[in-house]
Amino acid sequence: MDIILYIIKYTFVVAIGAELLYILWSIIKLALDKAQVAQATTAPVEE
């Protein structure tokens, strides 16, 4: 069993997984920010 190929493959899988998680987190964060902005602009201002 070639340990170097195994390490390269494992590192590649981890890197892809991290990239997907980062993209997913960015989308969720963007959606939350937009929701907060929409809520702030549509909420009636009480003084």
Protein backbone atom coordinates (compact mmCIF):
# COMPACT_ATOMS: atom_id res chain seq x y z
CA MET A 1 0.00 0.00 0.00
CA ASP A 2 1.47 3.33 -1.07
CA ILE A 3 1.20 5.58 1.97
CA ILE A 4 2.11 8.75 0.04
CA LEU A 5 -0.80 8.32 -2.39
CA TYR A 6 -3.10 7.69 0.58
CA ILE A 7 -1.94 10.91 2.28
CA ILE A 8 -2.33 12.92 -0.94
CA LYS A 9 -5.82 11.50 -1.51
CA TYR A 10 -6.84 12.18 2.12
CA THR A 11 -5.49 15.73 2.00
CA PHE A 12 -7.35 16.34 -1.26
CA VAL A 13 -10.64 15.09 0.21
CA VAL A 14 -10.20 17.24 3.33
CA ALA A 15 -9.37 20.31 1.21
CA ILE A 16 -12.48 19.80 -0.96
CA GLY A 17 -14.63 19.31 2.14
CA ALA A 18 -13.26 22.46 3.76
CA GLU A 19 -13.86 24.45 0.57
CA LEU A 20 -17.47 23.25 0.36
CA LEU A 21 -18.08 24.06 4.03
CA TYR A 22 -16.60 27.53 3.53
CA ILE A 23 -18.85 28.18 0.49
CA LEU A 24 -21.89 26.88 2.38
CA TRP A 25 -21.07 29.08 5.40
CA SER A 26 -20.61 32.12 3.12
CA ILE A 27 -24.04 31.53 1.54
CA ILE A 28 -25.72 31.09 4.95
CA LYS A 29 -24.00 34.20 6.34
CA LEU A 30 -25.02 36.23 3.29
CA ALA A 31 -28.62 35.03 3.62
CA LEU A 32 -28.66 35.92 7.33
CA ASP A 33 -27.23 39.37 6.64
CA LYS A 34 -29.85 40.01 3.94
CA ALA A 35 -32.61 38.79 6.26
CA GLN A 36 -31.43 41.15 9.01
CA VAL A 37 -31.27 44.08 6.60
CA ALA A 38 -34.75 43.29 5.27
CA GLN A 39 -36.08 42.99 8.81
CA ALA A 40 -34.47 46.30 9.79
CA THR A 41 -35.89 48.14 6.76
CA THR A 42 -39.41 46.69 7.03
CA ALA A 43 -39.78 46.92 10.81
CA PRO A 44 -41.76 49.95 11.97
CA VAL A 45 -39.62 52.51 13.78
CA GLU A 46 -40.88 53.26 17.28
CA GLU A 47 -39.51 56.19 19.25
